[in-house]
């Protein structure tokens, strides 16, 4: 089974909100850097946000000011609060082990991470 489990997606109208959750099954998520990624139909997967084990946070430009990544350490989850959703946010969202460092580099999964889960579908329409 994939080591990370995503949940929280759904069908919403533009302007509405969703909160995604990433739960680790077999390791201590609080000590790992985690990223959220998404893939829309016909498009490549893109990094959306990341949070390091030390609390560094990054967002891709298209979601800045609308999405917030955080940790729920007590429940060992990484959350992605998505507000003011737009149709272009429609995608399958995944979480993965991902370095989260300062600089302009794109958010990328860790090079040795290949165990993607099924993701959670976010559809913004209306």
Foldseek 3Di string as FASTA:
>chain_A
DFQKDKDWADEEAAQAKIKMKIAGDPDQLLQFKKWKWWDDPPGDIFTAKIAGSVGAIDGDPVQPPFWDWDAPNVRRIIMIIGGRDDQVVWTFMWMAGWDHDDDDDTTDHDPPDDRTDPGHTHGYHD
